Amino acid sequence: LPAYRDRLDSLTTIFGEDRVIFGSDYPQSDSVAALPQVVGLAQAYASGKSSAAKDKFFFRNARRVYALPAR
């Protein structure tokens, strides 16, 4: 996480928490890191955020942008 924190903080500052969405390049990224590692890194980064910010990062922003129905 320390290697990515500054970049993730910058992106969140530039775009705002309403415009940042978690995503991966799975399965192409599997040669660099396994999906559980990628998700774990994102979860570790988000752990310092509010519950509302985490929800936006992991699903609410995507739901809004892609007009996905609530389940």
Protein backbone atom coordinates (compact mmCIF):
# COMPACT_ATOMS: atom_id res chain seq x y z
CA LEU A 1 0.00 0.00 0.00
CA PRO A 2 2.75 2.56 0.71
CA ALA A 3 3.86 2.37 -2.93
CA TYR A 4 0.36 3.32 -4.13
CA ARG A 5 -1.03 5.55 -1.38
CA ASP A 6 0.26 8.88 -2.76
CA ARG A 7 -1.11 8.17 -6.24
CA LEU A 8 -4.48 7.02 -4.90
CA ASP A 9 -4.69 10.07 -2.64
CA SER A 10 -3.89 12.32 -5.60
CA LEU A 11 -6.55 10.72 -7.78
CA THR A 12 -9.14 11.02 -5.04
CA THR A 13 -8.20 14.66 -4.48
CA ILE A 14 -8.24 15.52 -8.19
CA PHE A 15 -11.46 13.71 -9.12
CA GLY A 16 -13.26 13.64 -5.76
CA GLU A 17 -14.77 10.68 -3.95
CA ASP A 18 -17.89 10.86 -6.14
CA ARG A 19 -15.87 10.09 -9.30
CA VAL A 20 -13.45 7.34 -8.23
CA ILE A 21 -14.41 3.69 -8.74
CA PHE A 22 -12.53 0.52 -7.80
CA GLY A 23 -11.74 -1.74 -10.72
CA SER A 24 -9.18 -4.28 -11.79
CA ASP A 25 -7.71 -5.55 -15.02
CA TYR A 26 -8.41 -9.15 -14.06
CA PRO A 27 -7.44 -11.63 -15.51
CA GLN A 28 -4.72 -9.71 -17.38
CA SER A 29 -3.31 -8.38 -14.10
CA ASP A 30 -2.93 -11.88 -12.71
CA SER A 31 0.68 -12.01 -13.95
CA VAL A 32 1.50 -9.07 -11.65
CA ALA A 33 -0.73 -9.78 -8.65
CA ALA A 34 -3.53 -12.22 -7.89
CA LEU A 35 -7.04 -10.76 -7.67
CA PRO A 36 -7.24 -11.27 -3.87
CA GLN A 37 -4.07 -9.17 -3.52
CA VAL A 38 -5.50 -6.40 -5.71
CA VAL A 39 -8.77 -6.37 -3.79
CA GLY A 40 -6.88 -6.50 -0.49
CA LEU A 41 -4.82 -3.48 -1.50
CA ALA A 42 -7.98 -1.55 -2.38
CA GLN A 43 -9.61 -2.57 0.90
CA ALA A 44 -6.52 -1.54 2.86
CA TYR A 45 -6.54 1.86 1.15
CA ALA A 46 -10.27 2.33 1.73
CA SER A 47 -10.01 1.29 5.39
CA GLY A 48 -8.90 4.82 6.28
CA LYS A 49 -11.98 6.36 4.62
CA SER A 50 -15.48 6.93 5.97
CA SER A 51 -18.15 4.27 5.42
CA ALA A 52 -19.84 6.54 2.88
CA ALA A 53 -16.58 7.04 0.94
CA LYS A 54 -15.92 3.27 0.93
CA ASP A 55 -19.41 2.55 -0.37
CA LYS A 56 -18.92 5.08 -3.16
CA PHE A 57 -15.52 3.65 -4.07
CA PHE A 58 -16.62 0.02 -4.16
CA PHE A 59 -20.13 0.22 -5.60
CA ARG A 60 -22.28 3.35 -5.31
CA ASN A 61 -20.35 5.40 -7.88
CA ALA A 62 -20.43 2.52 -10.37
CA ARG A 63 -24.14 1.99 -9.76
CA ARG A 64 -24.80 5.66 -10.46
CA VAL A 65 -22.53 5.97 -13.51
CA TYR A 66 -23.70 2.76 -15.16
CA ALA A 67 -27.34 3.23 -14.08
CA LEU A 68 -27.38 -0.18 -12.39
CA PRO A 69 -30.54 -1.12 -10.48
CA ALA A 70 -30.34 -1.62 -6.73
CA ARG A 71 -30.64 -5.25 -5.66
